[in-house]
């Protein structure tokens, strides 16, 4: 599977200030230190290791002010000025990948916005600070050098749910959920959670609601509970959760699986959208999970980008 599970933005400025309470300056390139922040920045090592701000929000402020104030990079106290994303729209725990290969830097979103300090230098300079409601903060998971022009990616976040009475009771190892997570990671997804539950419709419904509301993943993939057994209730739970159906996904998976085995016609799997999370039921065996993901993930990228508000219909 190709790793195409993210849209790319760009680093527009890399800014630090040697002293707290002063406006940051763009230095073009800087080393990010794991669990610390930008080398030489006065705010590194704090709970808010790296501050990020969307360049589009700076331009919107510039338009509102009609050019009344100069807005050089770093003026709002941001370490990294980023184009291509509305950063505040992503949930806590979202990861940002900067650069590529061995030098790739990994950040994790820890806070959205902050309280503005009365009489701060930014307010004196601009008359309004957009960082409290537009800025975000992250910790450094993997360090390295970040430079202006580097690409920044936000991988899709996926939650995995296995429905199996026997596995939940410890009578059989759950192999499908871990296999699904392994394949998703290989495809570039970030796994937000893995959950093993019994085949109980109410329990599955409540778990999906909680994951959507609290984790806000791009997609929930489920495995198991889609057959003819009286306890196979994953489709019913899914239909209670979703607000909009996506029948083409389930129909496409069944049509593809029919080329492998005629028993695929017995699948009752459903799929649909709740808020900005897609939910997709997959079969219960590791082999079928692998086959379905191989078929599903390439075209799914386009739909997930649209759901995020990053793609064109």
C-alpha atoms as a PDB file:
ATOM      1  CA  UNK A   1       0.000   0.000   0.000  1.00  0.00           C
ATOM      2  CA  UNK A   2       1.280   3.455  -0.833  1.00  0.00           C
ATOM      3  CA  UNK A   3       1.681   5.994   1.950  1.00  0.00           C
ATOM      4  CA  UNK A   4      -0.698   8.672   0.753  1.00  0.00           C
ATOM      5  CA  UNK A   5      -2.542   9.185   3.994  1.00  0.00           C
ATOM      6  CA  UNK A   6      -1.998  12.899   4.476  1.00  0.00           C
ATOM      7  CA  UNK A   7      -2.146  16.274   2.848  1.00  0.00           C
ATOM      8  CA  UNK A   8       1.059  18.303   2.885  1.00  0.00           C
ATOM      9  CA  UNK A   9       1.562  21.819   4.187  1.00  0.00           C
ATOM     10  CA  UNK A  10       4.755  23.848   4.408  1.00  0.00           C
ATOM     11  CA  UNK A  11       6.919  25.488   7.059  1.00  0.00           C
ATOM     12  CA  UNK A  12       6.904  29.226   6.300  1.00  0.00           C
ATOM     13  CA  UNK A  13       9.054  30.427   9.217  1.00  0.00           C
ATOM     14  CA  UNK A  14      11.102  29.026  12.105  1.00  0.00           C
ATOM     15  CA  UNK A  15      11.171  31.520  14.982  1.00  0.00           C
ATOM     16  CA  UNK A  16      12.766  31.794  18.412  1.00  0.00           C
ATOM     17  CA  UNK A  17      13.260  34.435  21.100  1.00  0.00           C
ATOM     18  CA  UNK A  18      16.196  34.310  23.493  1.00  0.00           C
ATOM     19  CA  UNK A  19      14.216  36.001  26.260  1.00  0.00           C
ATOM     20  CA  UNK A  20      10.623  35.567  27.426  1.00  0.00           C
ATOM     21  CA  UNK A  21       8.290  38.484  26.793  1.00  0.00           C
ATOM     22  CA  UNK A  22       9.997  39.448  23.542  1.00  0.00           C
ATOM     23  CA  UNK A  23       8.819  38.946  19.944  1.00  0.00           C
ATOM     24  CA  UNK A  24      10.276  35.904  18.228  1.00  0.00           C
ATOM     25  CA  UNK A  25      12.438  36.279  15.103  1.00  0.00           C
ATOM     26  CA  UNK A  26      12.597  34.046  12.033  1.00  0.00           C
ATOM     27  CA  UNK A  27      15.996  32.337  11.914  1.00  0.00           C
ATOM     28  CA  UNK A  28      15.167  30.081   8.947  1.00  0.00           C
ATOM     29  CA  UNK A  29      16.322  26.800  10.462  1.00  0.00           C
ATOM     30  CA  UNK A  30      16.611  25.365  13.964  1.00  0.00           C
ATOM     31  CA  UNK A  31      17.159  22.106  15.807  1.00  0.00           C
ATOM     32  CA  UNK A  32      14.168  20.657  17.671  1.00  0.00           C
ATOM     33  CA  UNK A  33      15.193  18.700  20.742  1.00  0.00           C
ATOM     34  CA  UNK A  34      13.134  15.709  21.883  1.00  0.00           C
ATOM     35  CA  UNK A  35      10.812  16.513  24.792  1.00  0.00           C
ATOM     36  CA  UNK A  36      12.238  20.038  24.994  1.00  0.00           C
ATOM     37  CA  UNK A  37      11.533  22.345  22.046  1.00  0.00           C
ATOM     38  CA  UNK A  38      13.558  24.609  19.767  1.00  0.00           C
ATOM     39  CA  UNK A  39      17.207  24.991  20.627  1.00  0.00           C
ATOM     40  CA  UNK A  40      17.879  28.477  21.979  1.00  0.00           C
ATOM     41  CA  UNK A  41      14.214  29.427  22.436  1.00  0.00           C
ATOM     42  CA  UNK A  42      13.303  30.946  25.797  1.00  0.00           C
ATOM     43  CA  UNK A  43      10.062  28.934  25.997  1.00  0.00           C
ATOM     44  CA  UNK A  44      11.670  25.542  25.309  1.00  0.00           C
ATOM     45  CA  UNK A  45      11.442  23.033  28.112  1.00  0.00           C
ATOM     46  CA  UNK A  46       8.080  24.350  29.281  1.00  0.00           C
ATOM     47  CA  UNK A  47       4.750  22.552  29.141  1.00  0.00           C
ATOM     48  CA  UNK A  48       4.176  24.207  25.760  1.00  0.00           C
ATOM     49  CA  UNK A  49       7.365  23.111  23.994  1.00  0.00           C
ATOM     50  CA  UNK A  50       6.603  24.268  20.443  1.00  0.00           C
ATOM     51  CA  UNK A  51       4.012  26.841  19.336  1.00  0.00           C
ATOM     52  CA  UNK A  52       2.493  26.671  15.850  1.00  0.00           C
ATOM     53  CA  UNK A  53       0.310  29.131  13.953  1.00  0.00           C
ATOM     54  CA  UNK A  54      -1.414  28.929  10.574  1.00  0.00           C
ATOM     55  CA  UNK A  55      -0.034  31.378   8.033  1.00  0.00           C
ATOM     56  CA  UNK A  56      -3.541  31.754   6.623  1.00  0.00           C
ATOM     57  CA  UNK A  57      -4.736  33.132   9.960  1.00  0.00           C
ATOM     58  CA  UNK A  58      -1.945  35.713   9.959  1.00  0.00           C
ATOM     59  CA  UNK A  59      -3.012  36.794   6.470  1.00  0.00           C
ATOM     60  CA  UNK A  60      -6.625  37.054   7.635  1.00  0.00           C
ATOM     61  CA  UNK A  61      -5.495  39.301  10.497  1.00  0.00           C
ATOM     62  CA  UNK A  62      -3.449  41.352   8.056  1.00  0.00           C
ATOM     63  CA  UNK A  63      -6.552  41.856   5.928  1.00  0.00           C
ATOM     64  CA  UNK A  64      -8.607  42.903   8.952  1.00  0.00           C
ATOM     65  CA  UNK A  65      -6.010  45.417  10.041  1.00  0.00           C
ATOM     66  CA  UNK A  66      -5.676  46.734   6.460  1.00  0.00           C
ATOM     67  CA  UNK A  67      -1.916  46.771   6.788  1.00  0.00           C
ATOM     68  CA  UNK A  68      -1.951  49.069   9.825  1.00  0.00           C
ATOM     69  CA  UNK A  69       0.750  46.978  11.558  1.00  0.00           C
ATOM     70  CA  UNK A  70       3.740  45.050  10.290  1.00  0.00           C
ATOM     71  CA  UNK A  71       3.409  41.304  10.757  1.00  0.00           C
ATOM     72  CA  UNK A  72       6.824  39.698  10.362  1.00  0.00           C
ATOM     73  CA  UNK A  73       7.083  35.965  11.191  1.00  0.00           C
ATOM     74  CA  UNK A  74       7.160  35.368  14.931  1.00  0.00           C
ATOM     75  CA  UNK A  75       5.259  38.517  15.828  1.00  0.00           C
ATOM     76  CA  UNK A  76       2.474  36.480  17.470  1.00  0.00           C
ATOM     77  CA  UNK A  77       4.932  34.375  19.444  1.00  0.00           C
ATOM     78  CA  UNK A  78       4.820  31.340  17.156  1.00  0.00           C
ATOM     79  CA  UNK A  79       7.813  29.045  16.751  1.00  0.00           C
ATOM     80  CA  UNK A  80       6.583  27.513  13.509  1.00  0.00           C
ATOM     81  CA  UNK A  81       4.481  29.388  10.970  1.00  0.00           C
ATOM     82  CA  UNK A  82       2.679  26.772   8.883  1.00  0.00           C
ATOM     83  CA  UNK A  83       0.701  27.085   5.642  1.00  0.00           C
ATOM     84  CA  UNK A  84      -1.850  24.589   4.380  1.00  0.00           C
ATOM     85  CA  UNK A  85      -3.657  23.712   7.612  1.00  0.00           C
ATOM     86  CA  UNK A  86      -6.150  25.240  10.024  1.00  0.00           C
ATOM     87  CA  UNK A  87      -4.183  23.863  12.962  1.00  0.00           C
ATOM     88  CA  UNK A  88      -6.761  24.580  15.668  1.00  0.00           C
ATOM     89  CA  UNK A  89      -9.285  22.291  13.950  1.00  0.00           C
ATOM     90  CA  UNK A  90      -7.317  19.136  14.811  1.00  0.00           C
ATOM     91  CA  UNK A  91      -7.860  17.220  18.081  1.00  0.00           C
ATOM     92  CA  UNK A  92      -5.363  16.842  20.909  1.00  0.00           C
ATOM     93  CA  UNK A  93      -3.050  13.929  20.123  1.00  0.00           C
ATOM     94  CA  UNK A  94      -2.775  14.743  16.397  1.00  0.00           C
ATOM     95  CA  UNK A  95       0.753  14.213  15.121  1.00  0.00           C
ATOM     96  CA  UNK A  96       2.679  16.433  12.723  1.00  0.00           C
ATOM     97  CA  UNK A  97       5.457  14.995  10.550  1.00  0.00           C
ATOM     98  CA  UNK A  98       8.025  17.507   9.285  1.00  0.00           C
ATOM     99  CA  UNK A  99      10.580  16.620   6.621  1.00  0.00           C
ATOM    100  CA  UNK A 100      11.179  13.052   5.483  1.00  0.00           C
ATOM    101  CA  UNK A 101      13.396  10.015   5.892  1.00  0.00           C
ATOM    102  CA  UNK A 102      15.753   9.616   8.833  1.00  0.00           C
ATOM    103  CA  UNK A 103      15.661  13.364   9.532  1.00  0.00           C
ATOM    104  CA  UNK A 104      11.878  13.430   9.924  1.00  0.00           C
ATOM    105  CA  UNK A 105      10.694  15.415  12.966  1.00  0.00           C
ATOM    106  CA  UNK A 106       7.603  14.267  14.864  1.00  0.00           C
ATOM    107  CA  UNK A 107       5.434  16.585  16.979  1.00  0.00           C
ATOM    108  CA  UNK A 108       2.273  15.785  18.931  1.00  0.00           C
ATOM    109  CA  UNK A 109      -0.483  18.330  19.554  1.00  0.00           C
ATOM    110  CA  UNK A 110      -0.924  18.956  23.292  1.00  0.00           C
ATOM    111  CA  UNK A 111      -2.922  22.197  23.579  1.00  0.00           C
ATOM    112  CA  UNK A 112      -5.199  24.383  21.461  1.00  0.00           C
ATOM    113  CA  UNK A 113      -5.039  28.110  22.238  1.00  0.00           C
ATOM    114  CA  UNK A 114      -3.940  29.710  25.479  1.00  0.00           C
ATOM    115  CA  UNK A 115      -4.715  32.496  27.894  1.00  0.00           C
ATOM    116  CA  UNK A 116      -3.316  35.833  26.762  1.00  0.00           C
ATOM    117  CA  UNK A 117      -1.189  37.755  29.246  1.00  0.00           C
ATOM    118  CA  UNK A 118      -2.240  41.353  29.899  1.00  0.00           C
ATOM    119  CA  UNK A 119       0.181  43.905  28.500  1.00  0.00           C
ATOM    120  CA  UNK A 120       2.277  41.389  26.569  1.00  0.00           C
ATOM    121  CA  UNK A 121       4.689  42.581  23.898  1.00  0.00           C
ATOM    122  CA  UNK A 122       2.593  41.031  21.146  1.00  0.00           C
ATOM    123  CA  UNK A 123      -0.481  43.038  22.127  1.00  0.00           C
ATOM    124  CA  UNK A 124       1.614  46.210  22.247  1.00  0.00           C
ATOM    125  CA  UNK A 125       2.978  45.486  18.787  1.00  0.00           C
ATOM    126  CA  UNK A 126      -0.155  44.305  16.947  1.00  0.00           C
ATOM    127  CA  UNK A 127      -3.091  45.561  19.018  1.00  0.00           C
ATOM    128  CA  UNK A 128      -4.519  42.015  19.006  1.00  0.00           C
ATOM    129  CA  UNK A 129      -2.966  38.612  19.620  1.00  0.00           C
ATOM    130  CA  UNK A 130      -4.442  35.773  17.578  1.00  0.00           C
ATOM    131  CA  UNK A 131      -2.341  33.084  19.280  1.00  0.00           C
ATOM    132  CA  UNK A 132      -4.847  32.547  22.158  1.00  0.00           C
ATOM    133  CA  UNK A 133      -7.566  31.372  19.756  1.00  0.00           C
ATOM    134  CA  UNK A 134      -5.664  30.373  16.594  1.00  0.00           C
ATOM    135  CA  UNK A 135      -2.368  28.985  17.907  1.00  0.00           C
ATOM    136  CA  UNK A 136      -1.618  25.434  19.011  1.00  0.00           C
ATOM    137  CA  UNK A 137       1.133  23.845  21.043  1.00  0.00           C
ATOM    138  CA  UNK A 138       2.983  20.564  20.631  1.00  0.00           C
ATOM    139  CA  UNK A 139       5.638  18.429  22.260  1.00  0.00           C
ATOM    140  CA  UNK A 140       8.638  17.045  20.386  1.00  0.00           C
ATOM    141  CA  UNK A 141       8.358  13.254  20.041  1.00  0.00           C
ATOM    142  CA  UNK A 142      11.318  12.897  17.648  1.00  0.00           C
ATOM    143  CA  UNK A 143      13.818  15.691  17.236  1.00  0.00           C
ATOM    144  CA  UNK A 144      15.779  16.957  14.262  1.00  0.00           C
ATOM    145  CA  UNK A 145      16.341  20.074  12.201  1.00  0.00           C
ATOM    146  CA  UNK A 146      13.387  22.025  10.803  1.00  0.00           C
ATOM    147  CA  UNK A 147      13.864  24.618   8.070  1.00  0.00           C
ATOM    148  CA  UNK A 148      11.746  27.028   6.056  1.00  0.00           C
ATOM    149  CA  UNK A 149      10.313  25.195   3.051  1.00  0.00           C
ATOM    150  CA  UNK A 150      10.095  21.801   4.783  1.00  0.00           C
ATOM    151  CA  UNK A 151       6.912  19.848   4.165  1.00  0.00           C
ATOM    152  CA  UNK A 152       4.602  19.172   7.105  1.00  0.00           C
ATOM    153  CA  UNK A 153       2.087  16.314   7.037  1.00  0.00           C
ATOM    154  CA  UNK A 154      -0.801  15.347   9.283  1.00  0.00           C
ATOM    155  CA  UNK A 155      -1.412  11.581   9.029  1.00  0.00           C
ATOM    156  CA  UNK A 156      -4.939  10.230   9.181  1.00  0.00           C
ATOM    157  CA  UNK A 157      -5.907   8.988  12.660  1.00  0.00           C
ATOM    158  CA  UNK A 158      -7.663   5.632  12.948  1.00  0.00           C
ATOM    159  CA  UNK A 159      -9.309   3.802  15.850  1.00  0.00           C
ATOM    160  CA  UNK A 160      -9.604  -0.003  15.715  1.00  0.00           C
ATOM    161  CA  UNK A 161     -12.451  -1.970  17.334  1.00  0.00           C
ATOM    162  CA  UNK A 162     -12.638  -5.766  17.493  1.00  0.00           C
ATOM    163  CA  UNK A 163     -15.999  -7.357  18.303  1.00  0.00           C
ATOM    164  CA  UNK A 164     -15.636 -10.919  19.591  1.00  0.00           C
ATOM    165  CA  UNK A 165     -17.197 -12.672  22.570  1.00  0.00           C
ATOM    166  CA  UNK A 166     -14.520 -15.395  22.631  1.00  0.00           C
ATOM    167  CA  UNK A 167     -11.576 -13.035  22.339  1.00  0.00           C
ATOM    168  CA  UNK A 168     -13.036 -10.745  24.993  1.00  0.00           C
ATOM    169  CA  UNK A 169     -13.361 -13.721  27.365  1.00  0.00           C
ATOM    170  CA  UNK A 170      -9.755 -14.708  26.645  1.00  0.00           C
ATOM    171  CA  UNK A 171     -10.714 -17.986  24.938  1.00  0.00           C
ATOM    172  CA  UNK A 172      -9.171 -16.988  21.603  1.00  0.00           C
ATOM    173  CA  UNK A 173      -6.432 -14.511  20.700  1.00  0.00           C
ATOM    174  CA  UNK A 174      -7.594 -11.438  18.811  1.00  0.00           C
ATOM    175  CA  UNK A 175      -5.471 -11.516  15.675  1.00  0.00           C
ATOM    176  CA  UNK A 176      -7.654  -9.349  13.424  1.00  0.00           C
ATOM    177  CA  UNK A 177      -7.430  -6.108  15.416  1.00  0.00           C
ATOM    178  CA  UNK A 178      -3.617  -6.169  15.746  1.00  0.00           C
ATOM    179  CA  UNK A 179      -3.279  -7.155  12.066  1.00  0.00           C
ATOM    180  CA  UNK A 180      -5.480  -4.226  11.075  1.00  0.00           C
ATOM    181  CA  UNK A 181      -3.439  -1.818  13.208  1.00  0.00           C
ATOM    182  CA  UNK A 182      -0.186  -3.165  11.755  1.00  0.00           C
ATOM    183  CA  UNK A 183      -1.371  -2.641   8.178  1.00  0.00           C
ATOM    184  CA  UNK A 184      -2.710   0.829   8.940  1.00  0.00           C
ATOM    185  CA  UNK A 185       0.596   1.909  10.486  1.00  0.00           C
ATOM    186  CA  UNK A 186       2.422   0.558   7.434  1.00  0.00           C
ATOM    187  CA  UNK A 187       0.105   2.698   5.295  1.00  0.00           C
ATOM    188  CA  UNK A 188       0.972   5.825   7.307  1.00  0.00           C
ATOM    189  CA  UNK A 189      -2.007   6.023   9.677  1.00  0.00           C
ATOM    190  CA  UNK A 190      -1.716   7.025  13.321  1.00  0.00           C
ATOM    191  CA  UNK A 191      -3.584   4.592  15.617  1.00  0.00           C
ATOM    192  CA  UNK A 192      -5.546   6.597  18.180  1.00  0.00           C
ATOM    193  CA  UNK A 193      -6.830   3.542  20.086  1.00  0.00           C
ATOM    194  CA  UNK A 194      -7.447  -0.209  19.927  1.00  0.00           C
ATOM    195  CA  UNK A 195     -10.508  -1.660  21.651  1.00  0.00           C
ATOM    196  CA  UNK A 196     -11.603  -5.288  22.183  1.00  0.00           C
ATOM    197  CA  UNK A 197     -15.293  -5.714  23.048  1.00  0.00           C
ATOM    198  CA  UNK A 198     -17.861  -8.515  23.256  1.00  0.00           C
ATOM    199  CA  UNK A 199     -20.567  -8.857  20.628  1.00  0.00           C
ATOM    200  CA  UNK A 200     -22.992  -6.635  22.502  1.00  0.00           C
ATOM    201  CA  UNK A 201     -24.868  -4.069  20.436  1.00  0.00           C
ATOM    202  CA  UNK A 202     -25.311  -1.491  23.197  1.00  0.00           C
ATOM    203  CA  UNK A 203     -21.673  -1.787  24.265  1.00  0.00           C
ATOM    204  CA  UNK A 204     -20.428  -1.369  20.689  1.00  0.00           C
ATOM    205  CA  UNK A 205     -22.723   1.611  20.155  1.00  0.00           C
ATOM    206  CA  UNK A 206     -21.536   3.331  23.331  1.00  0.00           C
ATOM    207  CA  UNK A 207     -17.865   2.669  22.527  1.00  0.00           C
ATOM    208  CA  UNK A 208     -18.143   4.169  19.041  1.00  0.00           C
ATOM    209  CA  UNK A 209     -19.962   7.243  20.342  1.00  0.00           C
ATOM    210  CA  UNK A 210     -17.245   7.783  22.961  1.00  0.00           C
ATOM    211  CA  UNK A 211     -14.408   7.361  20.455  1.00  0.00           C
ATOM    212  CA  UNK A 212     -15.971   9.796  17.995  1.00  0.00           C
ATOM    213  CA  UNK A 213     -16.638  12.410  20.675  1.00  0.00           C
ATOM    214  CA  UNK A 214     -13.400  12.103  22.639  1.00  0.00           C
ATOM    215  CA  UNK A 215     -10.709  10.912  20.206  1.00  0.00           C
ATOM    216  CA  UNK A 216     -12.153  12.488  17.041  1.00  0.00           C
ATOM    217  CA  UNK A 217     -10.345  10.076  14.686  1.00  0.00           C
ATOM    218  CA  UNK A 218     -10.680  10.398  10.933  1.00  0.00           C
ATOM    219  CA  UNK A 219     -11.915   6.814  10.714  1.00  0.00           C
ATOM    220  CA  UNK A 220     -12.974   3.911  12.934  1.00  0.00           C
ATOM    221  CA  UNK A 221     -12.323   0.481  11.434  1.00  0.00           C
ATOM    222  CA  UNK A 222     -14.181  -2.406  13.046  1.00  0.00           C
ATOM    223  CA  UNK A 223     -13.537  -6.111  12.632  1.00  0.00           C
ATOM    224  CA  UNK A 224     -15.967  -8.914  13.440  1.00  0.00           C
ATOM    225  CA  UNK A 225     -19.667  -9.130  14.191  1.00  0.00           C
ATOM    226  CA  UNK A 226     -20.922  -8.752  10.599  1.00  0.00           C
ATOM    227  CA  UNK A 227     -22.227 -12.264   9.901  1.00  0.00           C
ATOM    228  CA  UNK A 228     -25.426 -14.250  10.464  1.00  0.00           C
ATOM    229  CA  UNK A 229     -24.938 -15.256  14.086  1.00  0.00           C
ATOM    230  CA  UNK A 230     -27.539 -13.984  16.522  1.00  0.00           C
ATOM    231  CA  UNK A 231     -24.700 -12.195  18.381  1.00  0.00           C
ATOM    232  CA  UNK A 232     -23.344 -10.500  15.207  1.00  0.00           C
ATOM    233  CA  UNK A 233     -24.633  -6.981  15.869  1.00  0.00           C
ATOM    234  CA  UNK A 234     -21.856  -4.690  14.616  1.00  0.00           C
ATOM    235  CA  UNK A 235     -23.888  -3.413  11.615  1.00  0.00           C
ATOM    236  CA  UNK A 236     -26.860  -2.631  13.860  1.00  0.00           C
ATOM    237  CA  UNK A 237     -24.651  -0.748  16.339  1.00  0.00           C
ATOM    238  CA  UNK A 238     -22.958   1.140  13.498  1.00  0.00           C
ATOM    239  CA  UNK A 239     -26.260   2.205  11.967  1.00  0.00           C
ATOM    240  CA  UNK A 240     -27.359   3.605  15.324  1.00  0.00           C
ATOM    241  CA  UNK A 241     -24.151   5.647  15.534  1.00  0.00           C
ATOM    242  CA  UNK A 242     -23.871   7.114  12.046  1.00  0.00           C
ATOM    243  CA  UNK A 243     -25.639  10.237  10.811  1.00  0.00           C
ATOM    244  CA  UNK A 244     -25.012   9.626   7.099  1.00  0.00           C
ATOM    245  CA  UNK A 245     -24.597   6.301   5.324  1.00  0.00           C
ATOM    246  CA  UNK A 246     -21.766   5.575   2.883  1.00  0.00           C
ATOM    247  CA  UNK A 247     -23.207   2.526   1.110  1.00  0.00           C
ATOM    248  CA  UNK A 248     -20.669   2.620  -1.724  1.00  0.00           C
ATOM    249  CA  UNK A 249     -17.873   1.640   0.664  1.00  0.00           C
ATOM    250  CA  UNK A 250     -19.639  -1.444   2.000  1.00  0.00           C
ATOM    251  CA  UNK A 251     -20.906  -2.403  -1.458  1.00  0.00           C
ATOM    252  CA  UNK A 252     -17.435  -1.972  -2.925  1.00  0.00           C
ATOM    253  CA  UNK A 253     -15.839  -4.164  -0.249  1.00  0.00           C
ATOM    254  CA  UNK A 254     -18.440  -6.899  -0.805  1.00  0.00           C
ATOM    255  CA  UNK A 255     -18.017  -6.758  -4.601  1.00  0.00           C
ATOM    256  CA  UNK A 256     -14.244  -6.993  -4.275  1.00  0.00           C
ATOM    257  CA  UNK A 257     -14.430  -9.813  -1.730  1.00  0.00           C
ATOM    258  CA  UNK A 258     -16.834 -11.751  -3.985  1.00  0.00           C
ATOM    259  CA  UNK A 259     -13.926 -12.158  -6.419  1.00  0.00           C
ATOM    260  CA  UNK A 260     -12.096 -14.040  -3.673  1.00  0.00           C
ATOM    261  CA  UNK A 261     -14.954 -16.014  -2.103  1.00  0.00           C
ATOM    262  CA  UNK A 262     -18.663 -16.262  -2.833  1.00  0.00           C
ATOM    263  CA  UNK A 263     -19.271 -16.317   0.937  1.00  0.00           C
ATOM    264  CA  UNK A 264     -18.658 -12.568   0.894  1.00  0.00           C
ATOM    265  CA  UNK A 265     -22.320 -12.189  -0.090  1.00  0.00           C
ATOM    266  CA  UNK A 266     -23.164 -13.154   3.506  1.00  0.00           C
ATOM    267  CA  UNK A 267     -21.508 -10.049   4.947  1.00  0.00           C
ATOM    268  CA  UNK A 268     -23.923  -7.549   6.489  1.00  0.00           C
ATOM    269  CA  UNK A 269     -21.195  -4.926   7.036  1.00  0.00           C
ATOM    270  CA  UNK A 270     -22.243  -1.267   7.122  1.00  0.00           C
ATOM    271  CA  UNK A 271     -20.423   2.060   6.948  1.00  0.00           C
ATOM    272  CA  UNK A 272     -21.215   5.711   7.464  1.00  0.00           C
ATOM    273  CA  UNK A 273     -20.255   9.063   8.932  1.00  0.00           C
ATOM    274  CA  UNK A 274     -20.789  10.574  12.359  1.00  0.00           C
ATOM    275  CA  UNK A 275     -19.619  14.198  12.643  1.00  0.00           C
ATOM    276  CA  UNK A 276     -16.201  14.117  10.942  1.00  0.00           C
ATOM    277  CA  UNK A 277     -15.463  10.446  11.578  1.00  0.00           C
ATOM    278  CA  UNK A 278     -16.020   7.669   9.052  1.00  0.00           C
ATOM    279  CA  UNK A 279     -16.919   4.234  10.448  1.00  0.00           C
ATOM    280  CA  UNK A 280     -16.248   1.132   8.337  1.00  0.00           C
ATOM    281  CA  UNK A 281     -17.141  -2.459   9.252  1.00  0.00           C
ATOM    282  CA  UNK A 282     -14.647  -5.085   8.036  1.00  0.00           C
ATOM    283  CA  UNK A 283     -14.762  -8.917   8.311  1.00  0.00           C
ATOM    284  CA  UNK A 284     -13.530 -10.853  11.320  1.00  0.00           C
ATOM    285  CA  UNK A 285     -10.563 -12.815   9.941  1.00  0.00           C
ATOM    286  CA  UNK A 286      -7.007 -11.403   9.626  1.00  0.00           C
ATOM    287  CA  UNK A 287      -6.796 -12.588   6.013  1.00  0.00           C
ATOM    288  CA  UNK A 288     -10.043 -10.842   5.038  1.00  0.00           C
ATOM    289  CA  UNK A 289      -9.006  -7.685   6.923  1.00  0.00           C
ATOM    290  CA  UNK A 290      -5.767  -7.549   4.919  1.00  0.00           C
ATOM    291  CA  UNK A 291      -7.567  -8.116   1.623  1.00  0.00           C
ATOM    292  CA  UNK A 292     -10.189  -5.454   2.323  1.00  0.00           C
ATOM    293  CA  UNK A 293      -7.684  -2.810   3.441  1.00  0.00           C
ATOM    294  CA  UNK A 294      -5.549  -3.438   0.357  1.00  0.00           C
ATOM    295  CA  UNK A 295      -8.617  -2.657  -1.742  1.00  0.00           C
ATOM    296  CA  UNK A 296     -10.050   0.129   0.387  1.00  0.00           C
ATOM    297  CA  UNK A 297      -7.225   2.408   1.522  1.00  0.00           C
ATOM    298  CA  UNK A 298      -6.090   3.960  -1.797  1.00  0.00           C
ATOM    299  CA  UNK A 299      -9.501   5.429  -2.803  1.00  0.00           C
ATOM    300  CA  UNK A 300     -10.446   6.117   0.816  1.00  0.00           C
ATOM    301  CA  UNK A 301      -7.772   8.824   1.108  1.00  0.00           C
ATOM    302  CA  UNK A 302      -9.809  11.161  -1.110  1.00  0.00           C
ATOM    303  CA  UNK A 303     -12.950  10.730   0.988  1.00  0.00           C
ATOM    304  CA  UNK A 304     -11.136  11.287   4.273  1.00  0.00           C
ATOM    305  CA  UNK A 305      -9.547  14.479   2.951  1.00  0.00           C
ATOM    306  CA  UNK A 306     -12.992  15.770   1.953  1.00  0.00           C
ATOM    307  CA  UNK A 307     -14.324  14.825   5.392  1.00  0.00           C
ATOM    308  CA  UNK A 308     -11.477  16.825   6.963  1.00  0.00           C
ATOM    309  CA  UNK A 309     -12.294  19.767   4.729  1.00  0.00           C
ATOM    310  CA  UNK A 310      -8.977  19.470   2.906  1.00  0.00           C
ATOM    311  CA  UNK A 311     -10.056  17.994  -0.427  1.00  0.00           C
ATOM    312  CA  UNK A 312     -12.262  18.871  -3.383  1.00  0.00           C
ATOM    313  CA  UNK A 313     -15.521  17.005  -4.041  1.00  0.00           C
END
